[in-house]
Amino acid sequence: MLDLPASKDNQQTSVLIDQTSAGEIHMSKRAPQPTRTGQLAGAKIKIVGVYNQGLQEHIAIVNQGTVAQPLVGWSLIAERGNRRYAFPDDLILRPGMKVFIHSGQNALNNPPDHLFWTDEQMWSNRNDVALLFDYRGLEIDRCAYSHKRMLGHEAKRRKRLLDEGETWRLVDEPRPQARKIVRQERGTTGVRQSLR
């Protein structure tokens, strides 16, 4: 059996060539393998709202950039609920495209822009933080809200998603080290003394 990569329209496709013992040759295509990427230059993926009223909750995510962004291996986390949603491997957010992730008893499921998470309530009615991570576990965006339904980006330390096989956990990103800038200036006292 021979596996040859082929490229058509920027999609990776494999062609399998197999020869039977009778000398017959069979060719078949294998489905394209999704490529995992972090946020691409030109893409700007943002959480634009968490809506948690009633039996149907949803979160809205949009690509505000100019480049399409594959979401292979990306995750959405409800911090208080400690729950994780894994995006489908075939989801690509085109520029200006908005996708809604639904949860709750009346959750919608109408791909590609309305995706089903669970029939459980995911988002706290008091306050919560929605966190978006790329395939490496790097935080891309967050949206926090309080019991007053105020939406916004929380100014806490960034998080990192650690994938540990069947389980996962969130950890704080280390704070960047401040660089010391040492300046040596000539004191004015020394200059004045030399002028006297």
N, C-alpha and C. Protein backbone atom coordinates (compact mmCIF):
# COMPACT_ATOMS: atom_id res chain seq x y z
N MET A 1 0.85 -1.16 0.00
CA MET A 1 0.00 0.00 0.00
C MET A 1 0.90 1.23 0.00
N LEU A 2 0.53 2.21 -0.80
CA LEU A 2 1.29 3.45 -0.93
C LEU A 2 0.37 4.60 -0.58
N ASP A 3 0.83 5.51 0.27
CA ASP A 3 0.03 6.66 0.69
C ASP A 3 0.69 7.91 0.13
N LEU A 4 0.06 8.55 -0.84
CA LEU A 4 0.62 9.73 -1.48
C LEU A 4 -0.17 10.96 -1.08
N PRO A 5 0.50 12.01 -0.57
CA PRO A 5 -0.22 13.24 -0.27
C PRO A 5 -0.52 13.99 -1.56
N ALA A 6 -1.67 14.62 -1.61
CA ALA A 6 -2.04 15.44 -2.75
C ALA A 6 -2.61 16.74 -2.22
N SER A 7 -2.51 17.79 -3.00
CA SER A 7 -3.03 19.07 -2.57
C SER A 7 -3.94 19.63 -3.65
N LYS A 8 -5.13 20.05 -3.23
CA LYS A 8 -6.07 20.66 -4.15
C LYS A 8 -6.84 21.71 -3.38
N ASP A 9 -6.83 22.93 -3.88
CA ASP A 9 -7.55 24.03 -3.23
C ASP A 9 -7.12 24.22 -1.78
N ASN A 10 -5.84 24.13 -1.52
CA ASN A 10 -5.26 24.33 -0.19
C ASN A 10 -5.78 23.34 0.86
N GLN A 11 -6.32 22.20 0.44
CA GLN A 11 -6.72 21.17 1.39
C GLN A 11 -5.81 19.97 1.21
N GLN A 12 -5.37 19.40 2.31
CA GLN A 12 -4.53 18.22 2.25
C GLN A 12 -5.41 16.98 2.08
N THR A 13 -5.17 16.22 1.02
CA THR A 13 -5.90 14.98 0.76
C THR A 13 -4.87 13.89 0.52
N SER A 14 -5.13 12.71 1.03
CA SER A 14 -4.24 11.58 0.79
C SER A 14 -4.90 10.64 -0.19
N VAL A 15 -4.08 10.07 -1.09
CA VAL A 15 -4.55 9.07 -2.03
C VAL A 15 -3.91 7.75 -1.64
N LEU A 16 -4.73 6.73 -1.38
CA LEU A 16 -4.23 5.40 -1.03
C LEU A 16 -4.19 4.55 -2.29
N ILE A 17 -3.03 3.96 -2.58
CA ILE A 17 -2.88 3.07 -3.72
C ILE A 17 -2.52 1.70 -3.16
N ASP A 18 -3.33 0.69 -3.51
CA ASP A 18 -3.14 -0.66 -2.97
C ASP A 18 -3.18 -1.65 -4.14
N GLN A 19 -2.25 -2.57 -4.12
CA GLN A 19 -2.22 -3.59 -5.18
C GLN A 19 -2.54 -4.94 -4.54
N THR A 20 -3.52 -5.63 -5.11
CA THR A 20 -3.91 -6.94 -4.59
C THR A 20 -2.93 -7.99 -5.08
N SER A 21 -3.03 -9.20 -4.52
CA SER A 21 -2.14 -10.29 -4.94
C SER A 21 -2.39 -10.68 -6.39
N ALA A 22 -3.56 -10.37 -6.92
CA ALA A 22 -3.87 -10.69 -8.32
C ALA A 22 -3.35 -9.60 -9.26
N GLY A 23 -2.73 -8.56 -8.70
CA GLY A 23 -2.17 -7.50 -9.53
C GLY A 23 -3.12 -6.34 -9.79
N GLU A 24 -4.33 -6.39 -9.23
CA GLU A 24 -5.27 -5.28 -9.40
C GLU A 24 -4.82 -4.09 -8.56
N ILE A 25 -4.99 -2.90 -9.11
CA ILE A 25 -4.62 -1.68 -8.40
C ILE A 25 -5.90 -0.95 -8.00
N HIS A 26 -5.99 -0.60 -6.72
CA HIS A 26 -7.14 0.14 -6.20
C HIS A 26 -6.64 1.48 -5.68
N MET A 27 -7.37 2.54 -6.03
CA MET A 27 -7.04 3.88 -5.54
C MET A 27 -8.24 4.42 -4.78
N SER A 28 -7.98 5.06 -3.66
CA SER A 28 -9.06 5.70 -2.90
C SER A 28 -8.51 6.95 -2.23
N LYS A 29 -9.40 7.91 -2.02
CA LYS A 29 -9.01 9.15 -1.34
C LYS A 29 -9.36 9.05 0.13
N ARG A 30 -8.48 9.61 0.93
CA ARG A 30 -8.74 9.70 2.35
C ARG A 30 -9.17 11.14 2.64
N ALA A 31 -10.06 11.32 3.60
CA ALA A 31 -10.57 12.65 3.93
C ALA A 31 -9.42 13.56 4.36
N PRO A 32 -9.55 14.87 4.08
CA PRO A 32 -8.51 15.81 4.50
C PRO A 32 -8.35 15.80 6.02
N GLN A 33 -7.12 15.91 6.47
CA GLN A 33 -6.84 15.96 7.90
C GLN A 33 -6.82 17.42 8.34
N PRO A 34 -7.60 17.76 9.37
CA PRO A 34 -7.62 19.15 9.83
C PRO A 34 -6.28 19.56 10.42
N THR A 35 -5.91 20.81 10.20
CA THR A 35 -4.66 21.34 10.70
C THR A 35 -4.93 22.21 11.92
N ARG A 36 -4.22 21.94 13.00
CA ARG A 36 -4.37 22.74 14.22
C ARG A 36 -3.52 23.99 14.10
N THR A 37 -4.12 25.14 14.44
CA THR A 37 -3.38 26.40 14.41
C THR A 37 -3.76 27.24 15.62
N GLY A 38 -2.85 28.12 15.98
CA GLY A 38 -3.19 29.15 16.94
C GLY A 38 -3.92 30.24 16.18
N GLN A 39 -4.11 31.38 16.80
CA GLN A 39 -4.79 32.47 16.10
C GLN A 39 -3.89 32.98 14.98
N LEU A 40 -4.41 32.98 13.77
CA LEU A 40 -3.63 33.40 12.60
C LEU A 40 -3.49 34.91 12.57
N ALA A 41 -2.38 35.38 11.98
CA ALA A 41 -2.21 36.82 11.77
C ALA A 41 -3.33 37.28 10.85
N GLY A 42 -4.04 38.30 11.24
CA GLY A 42 -5.16 38.79 10.45
C GLY A 42 -6.50 38.31 10.95
N ALA A 43 -6.52 37.25 11.76
CA ALA A 43 -7.77 36.78 12.37
C ALA A 43 -7.89 37.44 13.74
N LYS A 44 -9.10 37.73 14.16
CA LYS A 44 -9.32 38.35 15.47
C LYS A 44 -10.59 37.72 16.05
N ILE A 45 -10.40 36.63 16.79
CA ILE A 45 -11.52 35.86 17.33
C ILE A 45 -11.88 36.42 18.71
N LYS A 46 -13.15 36.82 18.87
CA LYS A 46 -13.61 37.47 20.10
C LYS A 46 -14.90 36.84 20.60
N ILE A 47 -15.02 36.77 21.91
CA ILE A 47 -16.29 36.42 22.55
C ILE A 47 -17.05 37.74 22.68
N VAL A 48 -18.22 37.83 22.06
CA VAL A 48 -18.94 39.10 22.07
C VAL A 48 -20.16 39.09 22.98
N GLY A 49 -20.47 37.97 23.61
CA GLY A 49 -21.58 37.98 24.54
C GLY A 49 -21.88 36.62 25.13
N VAL A 50 -22.34 36.64 26.39
CA VAL A 50 -22.84 35.45 27.07
C VAL A 50 -24.28 35.77 27.45
N TYR A 51 -25.21 34.95 27.00
CA TYR A 51 -26.63 35.17 27.25
C TYR A 51 -27.15 33.97 28.04
N ASN A 52 -27.51 34.20 29.31
CA ASN A 52 -27.83 33.07 30.18
C ASN A 52 -29.21 33.19 30.82
N GLN A 53 -30.15 33.77 30.14
CA GLN A 53 -31.50 33.91 30.69
C GLN A 53 -32.40 32.80 30.16
N GLY A 54 -33.15 32.18 31.05
CA GLY A 54 -34.12 31.19 30.64
C GLY A 54 -33.53 29.81 30.40
N LEU A 55 -34.28 29.01 29.63
CA LEU A 55 -33.90 27.62 29.40
C LEU A 55 -32.98 27.43 28.21
N GLN A 56 -32.68 28.52 27.51
CA GLN A 56 -31.79 28.42 26.36
C GLN A 56 -30.70 29.47 26.50
N GLU A 57 -29.48 29.03 26.80
CA GLU A 57 -28.33 29.93 26.94
C GLU A 57 -27.49 29.84 25.67
N HIS A 58 -26.75 30.89 25.41
CA HIS A 58 -25.77 30.80 24.33
C HIS A 58 -24.67 31.82 24.53
N ILE A 59 -23.58 31.55 23.86
CA ILE A 59 -22.43 32.45 23.85
C ILE A 59 -22.14 32.75 22.38
N ALA A 60 -21.81 34.00 22.09
CA ALA A 60 -21.55 34.41 20.71
C ALA A 60 -20.06 34.67 20.53
N ILE A 61 -19.50 34.10 19.46
CA ILE A 61 -18.08 34.26 19.13
C ILE A 61 -18.02 34.72 17.68
N VAL A 62 -17.18 35.72 17.40
CA VAL A 62 -17.11 36.30 16.06
C VAL A 62 -15.66 36.45 15.63
N ASN A 63 -15.43 36.38 14.32
CA ASN A 63 -14.12 36.68 13.74
C ASN A 63 -14.18 38.12 13.25
N GLN A 64 -13.55 39.03 13.97
CA GLN A 64 -13.53 40.44 13.62
C GLN A 64 -12.34 40.78 12.73
N GLY A 65 -11.60 39.78 12.30
CA GLY A 65 -10.41 40.00 11.49
C GLY A 65 -10.70 39.91 10.00
N THR A 66 -9.62 39.77 9.23
CA THR A 66 -9.71 39.74 7.77
C THR A 66 -9.31 38.39 7.19
N VAL A 67 -8.99 37.42 8.05
CA VAL A 67 -8.52 36.10 7.62
C VAL A 67 -9.39 35.02 8.26
N ALA A 68 -9.73 33.98 7.51
CA ALA A 68 -10.50 32.85 8.06
C ALA A 68 -9.66 32.10 9.09
N GLN A 69 -10.30 31.67 10.17
CA GLN A 69 -9.61 30.99 11.27
C GLN A 69 -10.20 29.61 11.52
N PRO A 70 -9.42 28.52 11.28
CA PRO A 70 -9.89 27.18 11.66
C PRO A 70 -9.88 27.06 13.19
N LEU A 71 -10.89 26.40 13.75
CA LEU A 71 -10.98 26.23 15.20
C LEU A 71 -10.72 24.78 15.61
N VAL A 72 -9.87 24.09 14.87
CA VAL A 72 -9.51 22.70 15.17
C VAL A 72 -8.76 22.66 16.51
N GLY A 73 -9.27 21.89 17.45
CA GLY A 73 -8.61 21.75 18.75
C GLY A 73 -8.87 22.89 19.71
N TRP A 74 -9.66 23.89 19.33
CA TRP A 74 -9.96 25.01 20.21
C TRP A 74 -11.02 24.62 21.22
N SER A 75 -11.05 25.32 22.37
CA SER A 75 -11.99 25.02 23.45
C SER A 75 -12.60 26.28 24.02
N LEU A 76 -13.81 26.13 24.53
CA LEU A 76 -14.52 27.17 25.26
C LEU A 76 -14.74 26.64 26.67
N ILE A 77 -14.45 27.46 27.68
CA ILE A 77 -14.57 27.03 29.08
C ILE A 77 -15.55 27.94 29.81
N ALA A 78 -16.45 27.34 30.59
CA ALA A 78 -17.27 28.07 31.56
C ALA A 78 -16.52 27.94 32.88
N GLU A 79 -15.87 29.02 33.32
CA GLU A 79 -14.97 28.93 34.46
C GLU A 79 -15.68 28.48 35.74
N ARG A 80 -16.81 29.09 36.09
CA ARG A 80 -17.50 28.71 37.34
C ARG A 80 -18.08 27.31 37.24
N GLY A 81 -18.61 26.96 36.10
CA GLY A 81 -19.19 25.63 35.93
C GLY A 81 -18.14 24.56 35.70
N ASN A 82 -16.90 25.00 35.45
CA ASN A 82 -15.78 24.08 35.22
C ASN A 82 -16.12 23.07 34.12
N ARG A 83 -16.66 23.58 33.01
CA ARG A 83 -17.06 22.74 31.89
C ARG A 83 -16.36 23.20 30.62
N ARG A 84 -16.14 22.24 29.72
CA ARG A 84 -15.37 22.51 28.50
C ARG A 84 -16.17 22.10 27.26
N TYR A 85 -16.13 22.96 26.24
CA TYR A 85 -16.73 22.66 24.94
C TYR A 85 -15.59 22.59 23.93
N ALA A 86 -15.53 21.51 23.16
CA ALA A 86 -14.52 21.37 22.10
C ALA A 86 -15.19 21.69 20.76
N PHE A 87 -14.62 22.63 20.02
CA PHE A 87 -15.17 23.01 18.72
C PHE A 87 -15.02 21.87 17.72
N PRO A 88 -15.98 21.74 16.79
CA PRO A 88 -15.85 20.70 15.76
C PRO A 88 -14.63 20.96 14.87
N ASP A 89 -13.98 19.89 14.43
CA ASP A 89 -12.77 20.02 13.62
C ASP A 89 -13.00 20.70 12.28
N ASP A 90 -14.22 20.67 11.77
CA ASP A 90 -14.46 21.27 10.45
C ASP A 90 -14.93 22.72 10.52
N LEU A 91 -14.96 23.31 11.72
CA LEU A 91 -15.43 24.69 11.86
C LEU A 91 -14.34 25.68 11.49
N ILE A 92 -14.64 26.53 10.53
CA ILE A 92 -13.74 27.61 10.12
C ILE A 92 -14.54 28.90 10.21
N LEU A 93 -14.06 29.85 11.04
CA LEU A 93 -14.73 31.14 11.18
C LEU A 93 -14.19 32.09 10.11
N ARG A 94 -15.02 32.38 9.15
CA ARG A 94 -14.64 33.33 8.10
C ARG A 94 -14.73 34.75 8.65
N PRO A 95 -14.06 35.72 8.03
CA PRO A 95 -14.15 37.11 8.49
C PRO A 95 -15.61 37.56 8.59
N GLY A 96 -15.97 38.13 9.73
CA GLY A 96 -17.33 38.61 9.96
C GLY A 96 -18.31 37.55 10.41
N MET A 97 -17.91 36.28 10.36
CA MET A 97 -18.82 35.19 10.74
C MET A 97 -18.97 35.12 12.25
N LYS A 98 -20.20 34.88 12.70
CA LYS A 98 -20.50 34.73 14.12
C LYS A 98 -21.03 33.32 14.33
N VAL A 99 -20.58 32.67 15.41
CA VAL A 99 -21.06 31.34 15.76
C VAL A 99 -21.61 31.41 17.19
N PHE A 100 -22.69 30.66 17.42
CA PHE A 100 -23.34 30.63 18.73
C PHE A 100 -23.23 29.21 19.29
N ILE A 101 -22.77 29.11 20.55
CA ILE A 101 -22.66 27.83 21.24
C ILE A 101 -23.82 27.78 22.23
N HIS A 102 -24.74 26.83 22.05
CA HIS A 102 -25.98 26.78 22.83
C HIS A 102 -25.92 25.72 23.93
N SER A 103 -26.54 26.06 25.06
CA SER A 103 -26.69 25.12 26.18
C SER A 103 -28.04 25.37 26.83
N GLY A 104 -28.46 24.43 27.67
CA GLY A 104 -29.74 24.55 28.36
C GLY A 104 -30.79 23.62 27.77
N GLN A 105 -31.93 23.54 28.43
CA GLN A 105 -32.99 22.61 28.04
C GLN A 105 -33.52 22.86 26.64
N ASN A 106 -33.55 24.11 26.19
CA ASN A 106 -34.05 24.44 24.86
C ASN A 106 -32.92 24.82 23.91
N ALA A 107 -31.75 24.24 24.09
CA ALA A 107 -30.58 24.58 23.28
C ALA A 107 -30.79 24.23 21.81
N LEU A 108 -30.37 25.13 20.94
CA LEU A 108 -30.47 24.92 19.49
C LEU A 108 -29.31 24.08 18.98
N ASN A 109 -29.53 23.43 17.85
CA ASN A 109 -28.47 22.72 17.14
C ASN A 109 -28.74 22.87 15.65
N ASN A 110 -28.13 23.89 15.04
CA ASN A 110 -28.33 24.17 13.63
C ASN A 110 -26.99 24.60 13.02
N PRO A 111 -26.06 23.62 12.84
CA PRO A 111 -24.74 23.95 12.31
C PRO A 111 -24.85 24.59 10.92
N PRO A 112 -23.91 25.39 10.50
CA PRO A 112 -22.60 25.60 11.12
C PRO A 112 -22.55 26.77 12.09
N ASP A 113 -23.61 27.62 12.16
CA ASP A 113 -23.48 28.79 13.02
C ASP A 113 -24.19 28.68 14.37
N HIS A 114 -25.02 27.67 14.58
CA HIS A 114 -25.66 27.42 15.88
C HIS A 114 -25.28 26.01 16.31
N LEU A 115 -24.36 25.92 17.29
CA LEU A 115 -23.80 24.63 17.70
C LEU A 115 -24.32 24.24 19.09
N PHE A 116 -24.62 22.97 19.26
CA PHE A 116 -25.14 22.43 20.52
C PHE A 116 -23.99 22.03 21.43
N TRP A 117 -24.04 22.48 22.70
CA TRP A 117 -23.06 22.07 23.70
C TRP A 117 -23.67 20.97 24.57
N THR A 118 -24.73 21.32 25.31
CA THR A 118 -25.35 20.38 26.24
C THR A 118 -26.75 20.87 26.59
N ASP A 119 -27.58 19.97 27.11
CA ASP A 119 -28.91 20.40 27.54
C ASP A 119 -28.90 20.85 29.01
N GLU A 120 -27.73 20.92 29.62
CA GLU A 120 -27.58 21.44 30.98
C GLU A 120 -27.35 22.95 30.91
N GLN A 121 -27.68 23.64 32.02
CA GLN A 121 -27.38 25.06 32.13
C GLN A 121 -25.88 25.19 32.43
N MET A 122 -25.14 25.88 31.57
CA MET A 122 -23.69 26.00 31.72
C MET A 122 -23.26 27.27 32.44
N TRP A 123 -24.00 28.34 32.26
CA TRP A 123 -23.54 29.64 32.72
C TRP A 123 -24.25 30.05 34.00
N SER A 124 -23.46 30.46 34.99
CA SER A 124 -23.99 30.88 36.28
C SER A 124 -24.92 32.08 36.10
N ASN A 125 -26.00 32.13 36.88
CA ASN A 125 -26.91 33.28 36.82
C ASN A 125 -26.35 34.49 37.56
N ARG A 126 -25.34 34.30 38.38
CA ARG A 126 -24.78 35.42 39.15
C ARG A 126 -23.59 36.05 38.43
N ASN A 127 -22.58 35.26 38.16
CA ASN A 127 -21.41 35.78 37.43
C ASN A 127 -20.60 34.60 36.94
N ASP A 128 -19.86 34.82 35.89
CA ASP A 128 -19.05 33.75 35.31
C ASP A 128 -18.05 34.39 34.35
N VAL A 129 -17.12 33.58 33.89
CA VAL A 129 -16.15 34.02 32.89
C VAL A 129 -16.12 32.96 31.80
N ALA A 130 -16.33 33.40 30.56
CA ALA A 130 -16.19 32.53 29.39
C ALA A 130 -14.77 32.71 28.88
N LEU A 131 -14.06 31.60 28.69
CA LEU A 131 -12.66 31.64 28.25
C LEU A 131 -12.53 30.86 26.95
N LEU A 132 -11.82 31.44 25.98
CA LEU A 132 -11.59 30.81 24.68
C LEU A 132 -10.11 30.48 24.56
N PHE A 133 -9.80 29.21 24.22
CA PHE A 133 -8.41 28.75 24.13
C PHE A 133 -8.15 28.16 22.76
N ASP A 134 -6.91 28.33 22.27
CA ASP A 134 -6.52 27.67 21.02
C ASP A 134 -6.09 26.24 21.33
N TYR A 135 -5.60 25.52 20.31
CA TYR A 135 -5.26 24.10 20.48
C TYR A 135 -4.09 23.87 21.44
N ARG A 136 -3.25 24.89 21.65
CA ARG A 136 -2.12 24.74 22.57
C ARG A 136 -2.50 25.05 24.01
N GLY A 137 -3.74 25.50 24.22
CA GLY A 137 -4.18 25.88 25.56
C GLY A 137 -3.90 27.32 25.89
N LEU A 138 -3.54 28.14 24.90
CA LEU A 138 -3.28 29.56 25.14
C LEU A 138 -4.59 30.33 25.09
N GLU A 139 -4.79 31.21 26.07
CA GLU A 139 -6.01 31.99 26.12
C GLU A 139 -6.04 32.99 24.97
N ILE A 140 -7.12 32.96 24.19
CA ILE A 140 -7.30 33.87 23.07
C ILE A 140 -8.18 35.05 23.48
N ASP A 141 -9.26 34.77 24.22
CA ASP A 141 -10.16 35.84 24.65
C ASP A 141 -10.95 35.38 25.87
N ARG A 142 -11.58 36.35 26.54
CA ARG A 142 -12.43 36.07 27.69
C ARG A 142 -13.54 37.11 27.74
N CYS A 143 -14.63 36.71 28.36
CA CYS A 143 -15.75 37.62 28.57
C CYS A 143 -16.33 37.31 29.94
N ALA A 144 -16.39 38.32 30.80
CA ALA A 144 -16.90 38.15 32.15
C ALA A 144 -18.21 38.92 32.29
N TYR A 145 -19.07 38.43 33.17
CA TYR A 145 -20.30 39.16 33.44
C TYR A 145 -20.64 39.01 34.92
N SER A 146 -21.43 39.95 35.42
CA SER A 146 -21.87 39.91 36.81
C SER A 146 -23.36 39.65 36.85
N HIS A 147 -23.91 39.61 38.05
CA HIS A 147 -25.34 39.35 38.21
C HIS A 147 -26.19 40.44 37.57
N LYS A 148 -25.61 41.60 37.26
CA LYS A 148 -26.35 42.68 36.60
C LYS A 148 -26.36 42.49 35.09
N ARG A 149 -25.84 41.34 34.63
CA ARG A 149 -25.79 41.01 33.21
C ARG A 149 -24.89 41.95 32.42
N MET A 150 -23.93 42.54 33.11
CA MET A 150 -22.97 43.41 32.42
C MET A 150 -21.95 42.51 31.75
N LEU A 151 -21.73 42.71 30.48
CA LEU A 151 -20.76 41.91 29.74
C LEU A 151 -19.49 42.72 29.59
N GLY A 152 -18.37 42.05 29.56
CA GLY A 152 -17.12 42.75 29.36
C GLY A 152 -15.94 41.84 29.52
N HIS A 153 -14.77 42.39 29.31
CA HIS A 153 -13.54 41.62 29.40
C HIS A 153 -12.92 41.87 30.76
N GLU A 154 -12.73 40.80 31.49
CA GLU A 154 -12.21 40.88 32.84
C GLU A 154 -10.71 41.12 32.80
N ALA A 155 -10.22 41.91 33.73
CA ALA A 155 -8.80 42.28 33.74
C ALA A 155 -7.96 41.39 34.64
N LYS A 156 -8.42 40.18 34.95
CA LYS A 156 -7.62 39.27 35.77
C LYS A 156 -6.49 38.68 34.94
N ARG A 157 -5.63 37.93 35.63
CA ARG A 157 -4.52 37.28 34.92
C ARG A 157 -5.03 36.30 33.89
N ARG A 158 -4.29 36.20 32.80
CA ARG A 158 -4.64 35.27 31.73
C ARG A 158 -4.53 33.84 32.23
N LYS A 159 -5.31 32.96 31.63
CA LYS A 159 -5.31 31.55 32.00
C LYS A 159 -4.66 30.73 30.90
N ARG A 160 -4.30 29.52 31.27
CA ARG A 160 -3.78 28.55 30.31
C ARG A 160 -4.53 27.24 30.55
N LEU A 161 -4.94 26.59 29.46
CA LEU A 161 -5.66 25.33 29.53
C LEU A 161 -4.65 24.20 29.38
N LEU A 162 -4.56 23.34 30.39
CA LEU A 162 -3.66 22.19 30.33
C LEU A 162 -4.50 20.95 30.05
N ASP A 163 -4.27 20.35 28.90
CA ASP A 163 -4.99 19.14 28.50
C ASP A 163 -4.20 17.95 29.03
N GLU A 164 -4.85 17.15 29.86
CA GLU A 164 -4.18 16.02 30.50
C GLU A 164 -4.87 14.72 30.14
N GLY A 165 -4.98 14.46 28.84
CA GLY A 165 -5.65 13.25 28.38
C GLY A 165 -7.15 13.36 28.54
N GLU A 166 -7.71 12.56 29.44
CA GLU A 166 -9.16 12.57 29.66
C GLU A 166 -9.61 13.76 30.49
N THR A 167 -8.70 14.40 31.20
CA THR A 167 -9.05 15.53 32.06
C THR A 167 -8.33 16.79 31.59
N TRP A 168 -8.67 17.91 32.21
CA TRP A 168 -8.04 19.19 31.90
C TRP A 168 -8.13 20.06 33.15
N ARG A 169 -7.33 21.11 33.15
CA ARG A 169 -7.39 22.07 34.25
C ARG A 169 -6.91 23.43 33.77
N LEU A 170 -7.34 24.47 34.48
CA LEU A 170 -6.94 25.84 34.18
C LEU A 170 -5.87 26.27 35.18
N VAL A 171 -4.86 26.96 34.69
CA VAL A 171 -3.83 27.52 35.56
C VAL A 171 -3.61 28.97 35.14
N ASP A 172 -3.12 29.79 36.08
CA ASP A 172 -2.80 31.17 35.75
C ASP A 172 -1.53 31.21 34.92
N GLU A 173 -1.52 32.07 33.91
CA GLU A 173 -0.30 32.30 33.14
C GLU A 173 0.70 32.99 34.06
N PRO A 174 1.98 32.69 33.93
CA PRO A 174 2.96 33.41 34.76
C PRO A 174 2.99 34.88 34.38
N ARG A 175 3.22 35.71 35.38
CA ARG A 175 3.33 37.15 35.11
C ARG A 175 4.63 37.41 34.36
N PRO A 176 4.60 38.32 33.40
CA PRO A 176 5.84 38.63 32.69
C PRO A 176 6.83 39.31 33.63
N GLN A 177 8.08 38.96 33.48
CA GLN A 177 9.12 39.55 34.31
C GLN A 177 9.37 40.99 33.87
N ALA A 178 9.38 41.89 34.83
CA ALA A 178 9.69 43.28 34.51
C ALA A 178 11.19 43.40 34.28
N ARG A 179 11.55 44.09 33.22
CA ARG A 179 12.97 44.28 32.93
C ARG A 179 13.46 45.52 33.68
N LYS A 180 14.62 45.36 34.29
CA LYS A 180 15.22 46.49 34.98
C LYS A 180 15.97 47.35 33.98
N ILE A 181 15.70 48.62 34.04
CA ILE A 181 16.42 49.56 33.19
C ILE A 181 17.29 50.39 34.12
N VAL A 182 18.58 50.27 33.94
CA VAL A 182 19.53 50.98 34.78
C VAL A 182 20.09 52.15 33.98
N ARG A 183 19.95 53.33 34.54
CA ARG A 183 20.49 54.52 33.88
C ARG A 183 21.53 55.13 34.80
N GLN A 184 22.61 55.43 34.21
CA GLN A 184 23.64 56.11 34.98
C GLN A 184 23.65 57.57 34.53
N GLU A 185 23.26 58.42 35.45
CA GLU A 185 23.24 59.84 35.14
C GLU A 185 24.27 60.53 36.01
N ARG A 186 24.83 61.54 35.47
CA ARG A 186 25.79 62.31 36.23
C ARG A 186 25.06 63.25 37.15
N GLY A 187 25.34 63.18 38.40
CA GLY A 187 24.66 64.02 39.38
C GLY A 187 24.99 65.50 39.17
N THR A 188 24.00 66.35 39.38
CA THR A 188 24.21 67.79 39.21
C THR A 188 25.12 68.35 40.29
N THR A 189 25.15 67.70 41.44
CA THR A 189 26.03 68.15 42.51
C THR A 189 27.48 68.07 42.08
N GLY A 190 27.87 66.99 41.45
CA GLY A 190 29.25 66.82 41.00
C GLY A 190 29.63 67.85 39.95
N VAL A 191 28.71 68.21 39.10
CA VAL A 191 28.99 69.20 38.06
C VAL A 191 29.18 70.56 38.69
N ARG A 192 28.31 70.90 39.63
CA ARG A 192 28.41 72.21 40.28
C ARG A 192 29.73 72.34 41.04
N GLN A 193 30.14 71.28 41.68
CA GLN A 193 31.38 71.35 42.46
C GLN A 193 32.57 71.59 41.54
N SER A 194 32.52 71.01 40.35
CA SER A 194 33.66 71.20 39.46
C SER A 194 33.68 72.60 38.85
N LEU A 195 32.53 73.26 38.85
CA LEU A 195 32.48 74.61 38.29
C LEU A 195 32.91 75.66 39.30
N ARG A 196 32.96 75.37 40.57
CA ARG A 196 33.31 76.36 41.58
C ARG A 196 34.75 76.68 41.59
